[in-house]
C-alpha cells in the first residue's frame, strides 16, 4: 500500500506501467545507447565514442541531433544495425 500523504491509500500491488517513457530528455532516445551496451548489444568502445562526441539522436527526429554529424551518424547507423530485428521493448526475450 502507498499513501498520497492525504490519508488516501493506493493499492499498487499488481500495478503495471505500459510504457515507462516519461521524459524525452532522459528516457527513450538519450538512454538507448546505454541500454544497448548493458544488454551487450554494442561494445564499450562504441558507447565511449558515442558519448565522447556528445552524440544524441532522437527517434523519428523528434528533436535535432547533437554532436558532430560525423562520427555521430556513423555510430548511430552502426547501433541501428546491431539492434535490427530485436524487440527493443522486450530485450530479455529471445524469439
C-alpha atoms as a PDB file:
ATOM      1  CA  UNK A   1       0.000   0.000   0.000  1.00  0.00           C
ATOM      2  CA  UNK A   2       1.076   3.530  -0.675  1.00  0.00           C
ATOM      3  CA  UNK A   3      -0.373   6.750   0.644  1.00  0.00           C
ATOM      4  CA  UNK A   4      -0.821  10.123  -1.010  1.00  0.00           C
ATOM      5  CA  UNK A   5       0.024  11.891   2.211  1.00  0.00           C
ATOM      6  CA  UNK A   6      -3.610  12.925   2.498  1.00  0.00           C
ATOM      7  CA  UNK A   7      -4.685   9.741   4.178  1.00  0.00           C
ATOM      8  CA  UNK A   8      -5.724   8.080   0.906  1.00  0.00           C
ATOM      9  CA  UNK A   9      -4.465   4.553   0.354  1.00  0.00           C
ATOM     10  CA  UNK A  10      -3.468   3.492  -3.145  1.00  0.00           C
ATOM     11  CA  UNK A  11      -3.091  -0.224  -3.737  1.00  0.00           C
ATOM     12  CA  UNK A  12      -0.048  -0.601  -6.000  1.00  0.00           C
ATOM     13  CA  UNK A  13       0.009  -4.393  -5.889  1.00  0.00           C
ATOM     14  CA  UNK A  14      -0.188  -5.631  -9.446  1.00  0.00           C
ATOM     15  CA  UNK A  15       0.208  -2.116 -10.863  1.00  0.00           C
ATOM     16  CA  UNK A  16       1.812  -2.195 -14.304  1.00  0.00           C
ATOM     17  CA  UNK A  17       3.320   0.572 -16.419  1.00  0.00           C
ATOM     18  CA  UNK A  18       2.675   0.015 -20.122  1.00  0.00           C
ATOM     19  CA  UNK A  19       5.334   2.408 -21.409  1.00  0.00           C
ATOM     20  CA  UNK A  20       7.624   3.905 -18.819  1.00  0.00           C
ATOM     21  CA  UNK A  21       8.916   6.744 -21.034  1.00  0.00           C
ATOM     22  CA  UNK A  22       8.048   9.843 -19.073  1.00  0.00           C
ATOM     23  CA  UNK A  23      10.666  12.420 -20.027  1.00  0.00           C
ATOM     24  CA  UNK A  24      12.099  12.807 -23.543  1.00  0.00           C
ATOM     25  CA  UNK A  25      15.269  14.381 -22.122  1.00  0.00           C
ATOM     26  CA  UNK A  26      16.202  11.256 -20.166  1.00  0.00           C
ATOM     27  CA  UNK A  27      14.106   8.343 -21.389  1.00  0.00           C
ATOM     28  CA  UNK A  28      13.950   6.630 -24.750  1.00  0.00           C
ATOM     29  CA  UNK A  29      16.477   8.026 -27.244  1.00  0.00           C
ATOM     30  CA  UNK A  30      19.170   9.501 -24.960  1.00  0.00           C
ATOM     31  CA  UNK A  31      19.248   6.401 -22.768  1.00  0.00           C
ATOM     32  CA  UNK A  32      19.053   3.855 -25.582  1.00  0.00           C
ATOM     33  CA  UNK A  33      22.810   3.545 -26.370  1.00  0.00           C
ATOM     34  CA  UNK A  34      23.479   2.837 -22.679  1.00  0.00           C
ATOM     35  CA  UNK A  35      20.686   0.239 -22.719  1.00  0.00           C
ATOM     36  CA  UNK A  36      22.187  -1.415 -25.804  1.00  0.00           C
ATOM     37  CA  UNK A  37      25.540  -1.570 -24.019  1.00  0.00           C
ATOM     38  CA  UNK A  38      24.001  -3.012 -20.837  1.00  0.00           C
ATOM     39  CA  UNK A  39      22.423  -5.785 -22.921  1.00  0.00           C
ATOM     40  CA  UNK A  40      25.795  -6.479 -24.607  1.00  0.00           C
ATOM     41  CA  UNK A  41      24.393  -5.444 -27.990  1.00  0.00           C
ATOM     42  CA  UNK A  42      27.077  -2.795 -28.595  1.00  0.00           C
ATOM     43  CA  UNK A  43      30.649  -2.692 -27.354  1.00  0.00           C
ATOM     44  CA  UNK A  44      32.017  -0.402 -24.678  1.00  0.00           C
ATOM     45  CA  UNK A  45      34.155   1.231 -27.392  1.00  0.00           C
ATOM     46  CA  UNK A  46      31.074   2.122 -29.471  1.00  0.00           C
ATOM     47  CA  UNK A  47      29.359   3.619 -26.413  1.00  0.00           C
ATOM     48  CA  UNK A  48      32.527   5.509 -25.440  1.00  0.00           C
ATOM     49  CA  UNK A  49      32.893   7.018 -28.929  1.00  0.00           C
ATOM     50  CA  UNK A  50      29.210   7.980 -28.924  1.00  0.00           C
ATOM     51  CA  UNK A  51      29.450   9.649 -25.511  1.00  0.00           C
ATOM     52  CA  UNK A  52      32.874  11.242 -26.126  1.00  0.00           C
ATOM     53  CA  UNK A  53      31.443  13.008 -29.189  1.00  0.00           C
ATOM     54  CA  UNK A  54      28.352  14.186 -27.254  1.00  0.00           C
ATOM     55  CA  UNK A  55      26.082  12.431 -29.726  1.00  0.00           C
ATOM     56  CA  UNK A  56      22.353  12.376 -29.087  1.00  0.00           C
ATOM     57  CA  UNK A  57      19.920  11.019 -31.629  1.00  0.00           C
ATOM     58  CA  UNK A  58      16.186  11.303 -31.125  1.00  0.00           C
ATOM     59  CA  UNK A  59      13.938   8.620 -32.603  1.00  0.00           C
ATOM     60  CA  UNK A  60      11.956   9.860 -35.581  1.00  0.00           C
ATOM     61  CA  UNK A  61      13.990  13.086 -35.386  1.00  0.00           C
ATOM     62  CA  UNK A  62      11.741  14.263 -32.549  1.00  0.00           C
ATOM     63  CA  UNK A  63      14.451  16.838 -31.805  1.00  0.00           C
ATOM     64  CA  UNK A  64      17.607  17.909 -33.593  1.00  0.00           C
ATOM     65  CA  UNK A  65      20.567  15.585 -33.230  1.00  0.00           C
ATOM     66  CA  UNK A  66      23.528  16.785 -31.210  1.00  0.00           C
ATOM     67  CA  UNK A  67      27.229  16.213 -31.718  1.00  0.00           C
ATOM     68  CA  UNK A  68      29.232  16.356 -34.919  1.00  0.00           C
ATOM     69  CA  UNK A  69      27.489  14.844 -37.942  1.00  0.00           C
ATOM     70  CA  UNK A  70      30.443  12.526 -38.265  1.00  0.00           C
ATOM     71  CA  UNK A  71      31.096  10.297 -36.411  1.00  0.00           C
ATOM     72  CA  UNK A  72      27.653  10.502 -34.715  1.00  0.00           C
ATOM     73  CA  UNK A  73      25.688   9.463 -37.820  1.00  0.00           C
ATOM     74  CA  UNK A  74      28.026   6.527 -38.455  1.00  0.00           C
ATOM     75  CA  UNK A  75      27.866   5.390 -34.829  1.00  0.00           C
ATOM     76  CA  UNK A  76      24.064   5.605 -34.774  1.00  0.00           C
ATOM     77  CA  UNK A  77      23.824   3.618 -38.024  1.00  0.00           C
ATOM     78  CA  UNK A  78      26.161   1.017 -36.523  1.00  0.00           C
ATOM     79  CA  UNK A  79      23.950   0.745 -33.427  1.00  0.00           C
ATOM     80  CA  UNK A  80      20.795   0.519 -35.564  1.00  0.00           C
ATOM     81  CA  UNK A  81      22.330  -2.437 -37.362  1.00  0.00           C
ATOM     82  CA  UNK A  82      23.080  -4.170 -34.064  1.00  0.00           C
ATOM     83  CA  UNK A  83      19.511  -3.925 -32.757  1.00  0.00           C
ATOM     84  CA  UNK A  84      17.864  -4.554 -36.128  1.00  0.00           C
ATOM     85  CA  UNK A  85      15.251  -7.296 -35.732  1.00  0.00           C
ATOM     86  CA  UNK A  86      15.122  -7.058 -31.930  1.00  0.00           C
ATOM     87  CA  UNK A  87      12.046  -6.066 -29.979  1.00  0.00           C
ATOM     88  CA  UNK A  88      13.534  -3.178 -28.031  1.00  0.00           C
ATOM     89  CA  UNK A  89      10.532  -3.172 -25.706  1.00  0.00           C
ATOM     90  CA  UNK A  90      11.495  -6.683 -24.642  1.00  0.00           C
ATOM     91  CA  UNK A  91      15.240  -7.196 -24.979  1.00  0.00           C
ATOM     92  CA  UNK A  92      15.180 -10.048 -22.430  1.00  0.00           C
ATOM     93  CA  UNK A  93      13.156 -12.310 -24.711  1.00  0.00           C
ATOM     94  CA  UNK A  94      14.778 -14.375 -27.423  1.00  0.00           C
ATOM     95  CA  UNK A  95      12.230 -15.241 -30.097  1.00  0.00           C
END
